[in-house]
C-alpha atoms as a PDB file:
ATOM      1  CA  MET A   1     118.622  44.343  60.542  1.00  0.00           C
ATOM      2  CA  PRO A   2     119.198  41.631  57.898  1.00  0.00           C
ATOM      3  CA  LYS A   3     122.482  41.952  56.017  1.00  0.00           C
ATOM      4  CA  SER A   4     120.741  42.150  52.623  1.00  0.00           C
ATOM      5  CA  LEU A   5     118.579  45.081  53.758  1.00  0.00           C
ATOM      6  CA  LEU A   6     121.576  46.852  55.243  1.00  0.00           C
ATOM      7  CA  ALA A   7     123.571  46.302  52.046  1.00  0.00           C
ATOM      8  CA  ALA A   8     120.696  47.665  49.939  1.00  0.00           C
ATOM      9  CA  ARG A   9     120.435  50.777  52.098  1.00  0.00           C
ATOM     10  CA  VAL A  10     124.179  51.378  51.965  1.00  0.00           C
ATOM     11  CA  ALA A  11     124.188  50.947  48.176  1.00  0.00           C
ATOM     12  CA  LEU A  12     121.253  53.331  47.818  1.00  0.00           C
ATOM     13  CA  ALA A  13     122.937  55.895  50.029  1.00  0.00           C
ATOM     14  CA  LEU A  14     126.136  55.729  47.975  1.00  0.00           C
ATOM     15  CA  VAL A  15     124.253  56.146  44.702  1.00  0.00           C
ATOM     16  CA  VAL A  16     122.322  59.129  46.030  1.00  0.00           C
ATOM     17  CA  PHE A  17     125.478  60.602  47.534  1.00  0.00           C
ATOM     18  CA  TYR A  18     127.609  60.378  44.413  1.00  0.00           C
ATOM     19  CA  ALA A  19     124.812  61.321  42.017  1.00  0.00           C
ATOM     20  CA  SER A  20     124.069  64.533  43.856  1.00  0.00           C
ATOM     21  CA  SER A  21     127.555  65.439  45.114  1.00  0.00           C
ATOM     22  CA  ALA A  22     126.035  66.180  48.474  1.00  0.00           C
ATOM     23  CA  SER A  23     125.949  64.855  52.017  1.00  0.00           C
ATOM     24  CA  PHE A  24     123.455  62.351  53.362  1.00  0.00           C
ATOM     25  CA  ALA A  25     122.146  60.903  56.607  1.00  0.00           C
ATOM     26  CA  PHE A  26     119.657  58.259  57.639  1.00  0.00           C
ATOM     27  CA  ALA A  27     116.843  59.362  59.896  1.00  0.00           C
ATOM     28  CA  GLY A  28     115.367  57.063  62.483  1.00  0.00           C
ATOM     29  CA  ILE A  29     112.566  55.980  60.168  1.00  0.00           C
ATOM     30  CA  GLY A  30     114.983  54.697  57.505  1.00  0.00           C
ATOM     31  CA  ASP A  31     114.547  57.426  54.908  1.00  0.00           C
ATOM     32  CA  VAL A  32     117.537  59.090  53.261  1.00  0.00           C
ATOM     33  CA  TYR A  33     118.050  62.843  53.551  1.00  0.00           C
ATOM     34  CA  VAL A  34     120.301  64.504  50.963  1.00  0.00           C
ATOM     35  CA  THR A  35     121.639  68.037  51.321  1.00  0.00           C
ATOM     36  CA  SER A  36     122.631  70.340  48.499  1.00  0.00           C
ATOM     37  CA  ASP A  37     124.642  73.510  48.907  1.00  0.00           C
ATOM     38  CA  ALA A  38     123.654  74.524  45.367  1.00  0.00           C
ATOM     39  CA  SER A  39     119.906  74.625  46.088  1.00  0.00           C
ATOM     40  CA  ASN A  40     120.036  75.034  49.899  1.00  0.00           C
ATOM     41  CA  GLN A  41     117.532  72.205  50.242  1.00  0.00           C
ATOM     42  CA  VAL A  42     117.323  68.948  52.149  1.00  0.00           C
ATOM     43  CA  ARG A  43     115.559  66.373  49.986  1.00  0.00           C
ATOM     44  CA  GLN A  44     113.882  63.277  51.422  1.00  0.00           C
ATOM     45  CA  TYR A  45     114.062  59.902  49.657  1.00  0.00           C
ATOM     46  CA  ASP A  46     112.383  56.625  50.566  1.00  0.00           C
ATOM     47  CA  GLY A  47     114.946  54.441  52.353  1.00  0.00           C
ATOM     48  CA  THR A  48     113.642  51.245  50.759  1.00  0.00           C
ATOM     49  CA  SER A  49     112.857  52.141  47.145  1.00  0.00           C
ATOM     50  CA  GLY A  50     115.040  55.234  46.750  1.00  0.00           C
ATOM     51  CA  ALA A  51     112.091  57.174  45.356  1.00  0.00           C
ATOM     52  CA  TYR A  52     112.140  60.937  45.823  1.00  0.00           C
ATOM     53  CA  GLN A  53     109.504  62.020  48.347  1.00  0.00           C
ATOM     54  CA  THR A  54     109.705  65.764  49.016  1.00  0.00           C
ATOM     55  CA  VAL A  55     111.834  68.731  49.987  1.00  0.00           C
ATOM     56  CA  PHE A  56     112.232  68.091  53.722  1.00  0.00           C
ATOM     57  CA  THR A  57     113.337  71.654  54.480  1.00  0.00           C
ATOM     58  CA  THR A  58     115.046  74.656  52.933  1.00  0.00           C
ATOM     59  CA  ALA A  59     118.034  76.385  54.488  1.00  0.00           C
ATOM     60  CA  PHE A  60     117.901  80.166  54.570  1.00  0.00           C
ATOM     61  CA  ALA A  61     121.069  82.215  54.059  1.00  0.00           C
ATOM     62  CA  ALA A  62     123.199  79.064  53.917  1.00  0.00           C
ATOM     63  CA  ASN A  63     126.844  79.502  52.991  1.00  0.00           C
ATOM     64  CA  GLY A  64     128.696  76.358  51.905  1.00  0.00           C
ATOM     65  CA  GLU A  65     127.866  72.730  52.533  1.00  0.00           C
ATOM     66  CA  LEU A  66     124.902  71.793  54.697  1.00  0.00           C
ATOM     67  CA  GLY A  67     125.056  69.269  57.522  1.00  0.00           C
ATOM     68  CA  ILE A  68     122.338  67.171  59.134  1.00  0.00           C
ATOM     69  CA  HIS A  69     122.236  66.056  62.749  1.00  0.00           C
ATOM     70  CA  PHE A  70     119.602  63.662  64.056  1.00  0.00           C
ATOM     71  CA  GLY A  71     119.262  63.250  67.790  1.00  0.00           C
ATOM     72  CA  ALA A  72     118.702  60.035  69.720  1.00  0.00           C
ATOM     73  CA  THR A  73     114.918  60.457  69.632  1.00  0.00           C
ATOM     74  CA  ASN A  74     114.554  60.574  65.864  1.00  0.00           C
END
């Protein structure tokens, strides 16, 4: 991965992370997934542009911060 692309993705991740006060993770396809314990949602953002895409999933009966784990195949 070119250094400029990596730097852009890291910068985007930090902005999303601090703006939402949540956790984040990169999926295998390069998108950013942001969790929120306030709304119990995992939101998906475009990894290149940072544009909001959709609610990836909703946690039911969550208590506290959410975590994301992506396996080796995704």
